[in-house]
Amino acid sequence: MNSLNKTFLPTNDPRNRNWFIIDCEDQKLGRLATILVALLRGKIKPQYHPSIDTGDYIILLNANSIIVNEDSKHFIVNNPGRPGHALTIKSVKDCLPKFTIQRAVKGMLSETETKRLMRRLRIYNTKEHPHQAQKPIKIDVSNFYSNSAFSNGTSSLD
């Protein structure tokens, strides 16, 4: 057999999934959400394939200290569309930080991925979490793009 005609497909084995810890202290919501989506989908892995789920688990700590842009107006509109239920408008900075992060990440995922991948995202408002047995790996998000597979050596921000 010719080895050039064989396509490598990674396995969908849960033992291949890693657990990552990310500290949200002084992190911007949008930049953090893009990193979370890449980790949940498994795009940082060398064996990434779009049709195979190779994503990882993520633990977010200190979610209440995340930075939301105060200058621009961000609102959440809830219109259930049923008689007797009014239109409610809430400011994003007044909502729970867990809800705000989940909403940002869900907006970057497709409908089919949302339910499956959001189960792997754990959000806590303090530094304590019950996932010590999984031996999570701590990630420094401040220089994530400069040290990961996303960078190609040159940065357009320099």
C-alpha atoms as a PDB file:
ATOM      1  CA  MET A   1       0.000   0.000   0.000  1.00  0.00           C
ATOM      2  CA  ASN A   2       1.112   3.516  -0.701  1.00  0.00           C
ATOM      3  CA  SER A   3       1.519   5.434   2.560  1.00  0.00           C
ATOM      4  CA  LEU A   4       0.632   8.727   0.888  1.00  0.00           C
ATOM      5  CA  ASN A   5      -2.986   7.648   0.483  1.00  0.00           C
ATOM      6  CA  LYS A   6      -3.622   7.042   4.179  1.00  0.00           C
ATOM      7  CA  THR A   7      -5.272   9.835   6.116  1.00  0.00           C
ATOM      8  CA  PHE A   8      -4.436  10.100   9.796  1.00  0.00           C
ATOM      9  CA  LEU A   9      -7.499  10.612  11.980  1.00  0.00           C
ATOM     10  CA  PRO A  10      -7.006  11.114  15.717  1.00  0.00           C
ATOM     11  CA  THR A  11      -9.041   9.051  18.137  1.00  0.00           C
ATOM     12  CA  ASN A  12     -11.884  10.491  20.157  1.00  0.00           C
ATOM     13  CA  ASP A  13     -10.505   8.991  23.369  1.00  0.00           C
ATOM     14  CA  PRO A  14     -11.303  10.893  26.593  1.00  0.00           C
ATOM     15  CA  ARG A  15      -7.941   9.820  28.035  1.00  0.00           C
ATOM     16  CA  ASN A  16      -6.228  12.112  25.510  1.00  0.00           C
ATOM     17  CA  ARG A  17      -7.917  15.204  26.950  1.00  0.00           C
ATOM     18  CA  ASN A  18      -5.947  17.571  29.163  1.00  0.00           C
ATOM     19  CA  TRP A  19      -7.206  19.796  31.969  1.00  0.00           C
ATOM     20  CA  PHE A  20      -6.043  23.421  31.926  1.00  0.00           C
ATOM     21  CA  ILE A  21      -6.277  26.090  34.637  1.00  0.00           C
ATOM     22  CA  ILE A  22      -6.561  29.715  33.549  1.00  0.00           C
ATOM     23  CA  ASP A  23      -6.526  32.604  36.004  1.00  0.00           C
ATOM     24  CA  CYS A  24      -8.877  35.363  34.814  1.00  0.00           C
ATOM     25  CA  GLU A  25      -7.259  38.033  36.999  1.00  0.00           C
ATOM     26  CA  ASP A  26      -7.098  41.240  34.909  1.00  0.00           C
ATOM     27  CA  GLN A  27      -7.902  39.482  31.607  1.00  0.00           C
ATOM     28  CA  LYS A  28     -10.060  41.011  28.892  1.00  0.00           C
ATOM     29  CA  LEU A  29     -13.226  39.099  28.065  1.00  0.00           C
ATOM     30  CA  GLY A  30     -12.898  38.953  24.281  1.00  0.00           C
ATOM     31  CA  ARG A  31      -9.262  37.900  24.182  1.00  0.00           C
ATOM     32  CA  LEU A  32      -9.852  35.286  26.844  1.00  0.00           C
ATOM     33  CA  ALA A  33     -12.881  33.914  24.970  1.00  0.00           C
ATOM     34  CA  THR A  34     -10.853  33.340  21.778  1.00  0.00           C
ATOM     35  CA  ILE A  35      -8.278  31.351  23.733  1.00  0.00           C
ATOM     36  CA  LEU A  36     -10.998  29.334  25.450  1.00  0.00           C
ATOM     37  CA  VAL A  37     -12.633  28.421  22.141  1.00  0.00           C
ATOM     38  CA  ALA A  38      -9.294  27.280  20.673  1.00  0.00           C
ATOM     39  CA  LEU A  39      -8.636  25.085  23.721  1.00  0.00           C
ATOM     40  CA  LEU A  40     -12.170  23.666  23.814  1.00  0.00           C
ATOM     41  CA  ARG A  41     -12.009  22.718  20.133  1.00  0.00           C
ATOM     42  CA  GLY A  42      -8.466  21.311  20.410  1.00  0.00           C
ATOM     43  CA  LYS A  43      -6.952  23.616  17.813  1.00  0.00           C
ATOM     44  CA  ILE A  44      -3.668  23.886  19.710  1.00  0.00           C
ATOM     45  CA  LYS A  45      -2.992  20.161  19.327  1.00  0.00           C
ATOM     46  CA  PRO A  46      -0.869  18.923  16.428  1.00  0.00           C
ATOM     47  CA  GLN A  47      -3.364  16.145  15.654  1.00  0.00           C
ATOM     48  CA  TYR A  48      -6.309  18.550  15.262  1.00  0.00           C
ATOM     49  CA  HIS A  49      -8.916  17.497  12.727  1.00  0.00           C
ATOM     50  CA  PRO A  50     -12.189  19.425  12.279  1.00  0.00           C
ATOM     51  CA  SER A  51     -14.416  16.343  12.203  1.00  0.00           C
ATOM     52  CA  ILE A  52     -12.919  14.725  15.331  1.00  0.00           C
ATOM     53  CA  ASP A  53     -13.436  16.186  18.804  1.00  0.00           C
ATOM     54  CA  THR A  54      -9.969  16.514  20.358  1.00  0.00           C
ATOM     55  CA  GLY A  55     -10.699  19.403  22.729  1.00  0.00           C
ATOM     56  CA  ASP A  56      -9.652  19.788  26.357  1.00  0.00           C
ATOM     57  CA  TYR A  57     -11.237  20.709  29.693  1.00  0.00           C
ATOM     58  CA  ILE A  58     -10.772  24.224  31.068  1.00  0.00           C
ATOM     59  CA  ILE A  59     -11.001  25.521  34.642  1.00  0.00           C
ATOM     60  CA  LEU A  60     -11.382  29.302  34.967  1.00  0.00           C
ATOM     61  CA  LEU A  61     -10.484  30.856  38.314  1.00  0.00           C
ATOM     62  CA  ASN A  62     -11.245  34.386  39.595  1.00  0.00           C
ATOM     63  CA  ALA A  63     -14.000  34.917  37.032  1.00  0.00           C
ATOM     64  CA  ASN A  64     -15.365  37.909  38.950  1.00  0.00           C
ATOM     65  CA  SER A  65     -12.202  39.939  38.196  1.00  0.00           C
ATOM     66  CA  ILE A  66     -12.503  39.738  34.406  1.00  0.00           C
ATOM     67  CA  ILE A  67     -12.347  43.050  32.520  1.00  0.00           C
ATOM     68  CA  VAL A  68     -15.350  44.133  30.452  1.00  0.00           C
ATOM     69  CA  ASN A  69     -14.968  47.316  28.413  1.00  0.00           C
ATOM     70  CA  GLU A  70     -16.709  50.016  30.437  1.00  0.00           C
ATOM     71  CA  ASP A  71     -16.729  52.597  27.615  1.00  0.00           C
ATOM     72  CA  SER A  72     -18.893  50.711  25.151  1.00  0.00           C
ATOM     73  CA  LYS A  73     -22.457  49.755  25.919  1.00  0.00           C
ATOM     74  CA  HIS A  74     -23.064  46.005  26.068  1.00  0.00           C
ATOM     75  CA  PHE A  75     -26.619  44.900  26.744  1.00  0.00           C
ATOM     76  CA  ILE A  76     -28.353  41.553  27.005  1.00  0.00           C
ATOM     77  CA  VAL A  77     -31.890  41.618  25.667  1.00  0.00           C
ATOM     78  CA  ASN A  78     -34.290  38.881  26.732  1.00  0.00           C
ATOM     79  CA  ASN A  79     -37.509  38.751  24.778  1.00  0.00           C
ATOM     80  CA  PRO A  80     -39.289  35.488  25.446  1.00  0.00           C
ATOM     81  CA  GLY A  81     -42.010  36.244  22.907  1.00  0.00           C
ATOM     82  CA  ARG A  82     -44.841  35.038  25.110  1.00  0.00           C
ATOM     83  CA  PRO A  83     -47.827  37.072  26.217  1.00  0.00           C
ATOM     84  CA  GLY A  84     -47.436  38.464  29.702  1.00  0.00           C
ATOM     85  CA  HIS A  85     -43.632  38.376  29.639  1.00  0.00           C
ATOM     86  CA  ALA A  86     -41.953  41.727  29.159  1.00  0.00           C
ATOM     87  CA  LEU A  87     -38.795  42.622  27.311  1.00  0.00           C
ATOM     88  CA  THR A  88     -35.882  42.818  29.798  1.00  0.00           C
ATOM     89  CA  ILE A  89     -32.631  44.629  29.141  1.00  0.00           C
ATOM     90  CA  LYS A  90     -29.612  44.117  31.408  1.00  0.00           C
ATOM     91  CA  SER A  91     -26.170  45.641  31.252  1.00  0.00           C
ATOM     92  CA  VAL A  92     -23.387  43.075  30.848  1.00  0.00           C
ATOM     93  CA  LYS A  93     -21.302  44.504  33.679  1.00  0.00           C
ATOM     94  CA  ASP A  94     -24.241  44.017  36.060  1.00  0.00           C
ATOM     95  CA  CYS A  95     -24.652  40.309  35.168  1.00  0.00           C
ATOM     96  CA  LEU A  96     -22.924  37.394  36.813  1.00  0.00           C
ATOM     97  CA  PRO A  97     -19.375  36.882  35.510  1.00  0.00           C
ATOM     98  CA  LYS A  98     -20.065  33.188  34.833  1.00  0.00           C
ATOM     99  CA  PHE A  99     -22.999  34.089  32.588  1.00  0.00           C
ATOM    100  CA  THR A 100     -20.970  36.769  30.788  1.00  0.00           C
ATOM    101  CA  ILE A 101     -18.080  34.405  30.011  1.00  0.00           C
ATOM    102  CA  GLN A 102     -20.415  31.622  28.896  1.00  0.00           C
ATOM    103  CA  ARG A 103     -22.272  34.005  26.602  1.00  0.00           C
ATOM    104  CA  ALA A 104     -19.012  35.213  25.004  1.00  0.00           C
ATOM    105  CA  VAL A 105     -17.750  31.676  24.392  1.00  0.00           C
ATOM    106  CA  LYS A 106     -21.114  30.418  23.101  1.00  0.00           C
ATOM    107  CA  GLY A 107     -21.182  33.248  20.589  1.00  0.00           C
ATOM    108  CA  MET A 108     -17.917  31.988  19.074  1.00  0.00           C
ATOM    109  CA  LEU A 109     -19.049  28.367  18.733  1.00  0.00           C
ATOM    110  CA  SER A 110     -21.413  26.835  16.209  1.00  0.00           C
ATOM    111  CA  GLU A 111     -24.792  25.525  17.327  1.00  0.00           C
ATOM    112  CA  THR A 112     -23.718  21.906  17.090  1.00  0.00           C
ATOM    113  CA  GLU A 113     -20.549  22.449  19.124  1.00  0.00           C
ATOM    114  CA  THR A 114     -22.052  24.621  21.833  1.00  0.00           C
ATOM    115  CA  LYS A 115     -23.772  22.030  23.994  1.00  0.00           C
ATOM    116  CA  ARG A 116     -20.956  19.485  23.779  1.00  0.00           C
ATOM    117  CA  LEU A 117     -18.055  21.863  24.352  1.00  0.00           C
ATOM    118  CA  MET A 118     -19.624  24.049  27.042  1.00  0.00           C
ATOM    119  CA  ARG A 119     -19.770  20.997  29.335  1.00  0.00           C
ATOM    120  CA  ARG A 120     -15.979  21.096  29.472  1.00  0.00           C
ATOM    121  CA  LEU A 121     -15.780  24.677  30.711  1.00  0.00           C
ATOM    122  CA  ARG A 122     -15.755  25.065  34.515  1.00  0.00           C
ATOM    123  CA  ILE A 123     -15.991  28.603  35.894  1.00  0.00           C
ATOM    124  CA  TYR A 124     -15.286  29.571  39.522  1.00  0.00           C
ATOM    125  CA  ASN A 125     -15.246  33.005  41.180  1.00  0.00           C
ATOM    126  CA  THR A 126     -12.457  32.105  43.624  1.00  0.00           C
ATOM    127  CA  LYS A 127      -9.106  30.338  43.452  1.00  0.00           C
ATOM    128  CA  GLU A 128     -10.479  27.087  44.893  1.00  0.00           C
ATOM    129  CA  HIS A 129     -11.738  24.327  42.631  1.00  0.00           C
ATOM    130  CA  PRO A 130     -12.587  20.636  43.166  1.00  0.00           C
ATOM    131  CA  HIS A 131     -10.547  19.314  40.214  1.00  0.00           C
ATOM    132  CA  GLN A 132      -7.164  18.595  41.842  1.00  0.00           C
ATOM    133  CA  ALA A 133      -7.405  14.874  40.996  1.00  0.00           C
ATOM    134  CA  GLN A 134      -7.266  15.640  37.249  1.00  0.00           C
ATOM    135  CA  LYS A 135      -3.797  17.255  37.644  1.00  0.00           C
ATOM    136  CA  PRO A 136      -4.595  20.409  35.651  1.00  0.00           C
ATOM    137  CA  ILE A 137      -1.909  22.322  33.777  1.00  0.00           C
ATOM    138  CA  LYS A 138      -1.619  26.045  34.555  1.00  0.00           C
ATOM    139  CA  ILE A 139      -1.616  28.320  31.511  1.00  0.00           C
ATOM    140  CA  ASP A 140      -0.406  31.913  31.496  1.00  0.00           C
ATOM    141  CA  VAL A 141      -2.818  33.619  29.111  1.00  0.00           C
ATOM    142  CA  SER A 142      -0.879  36.897  28.902  1.00  0.00           C
ATOM    143  CA  ASN A 143       1.665  35.391  26.482  1.00  0.00           C
ATOM    144  CA  PHE A 144      -0.424  32.525  25.080  1.00  0.00           C
ATOM    145  CA  TYR A 145      -0.254  33.510  21.431  1.00  0.00           C
ATOM    146  CA  SER A 146       3.492  34.135  21.479  1.00  0.00           C
ATOM    147  CA  ASN A 147       4.282  30.634  22.830  1.00  0.00           C
ATOM    148  CA  SER A 148       1.694  28.430  21.143  1.00  0.00           C
ATOM    149  CA  ALA A 149       1.084  26.866  17.782  1.00  0.00           C
ATOM    150  CA  PHE A 150      -0.892  29.940  16.704  1.00  0.00           C
ATOM    151  CA  SER A 151       2.213  32.069  16.259  1.00  0.00           C
ATOM    152  CA  ASN A 152       4.418  31.688  13.219  1.00  0.00           C
ATOM    153  CA  GLY A 153       7.367  33.636  14.583  1.00  0.00           C
ATOM    154  CA  THR A 154       6.177  37.062  13.479  1.00  0.00           C
ATOM    155  CA  SER A 155       3.543  39.137  15.158  1.00  0.00           C
ATOM    156  CA  SER A 156       1.386  41.684  13.415  1.00  0.00           C
ATOM    157  CA  LEU A 157       1.052  43.636  16.659  1.00  0.00           C
ATOM    158  CA  ASP A 158       4.780  44.503  16.905  1.00  0.00           C
END
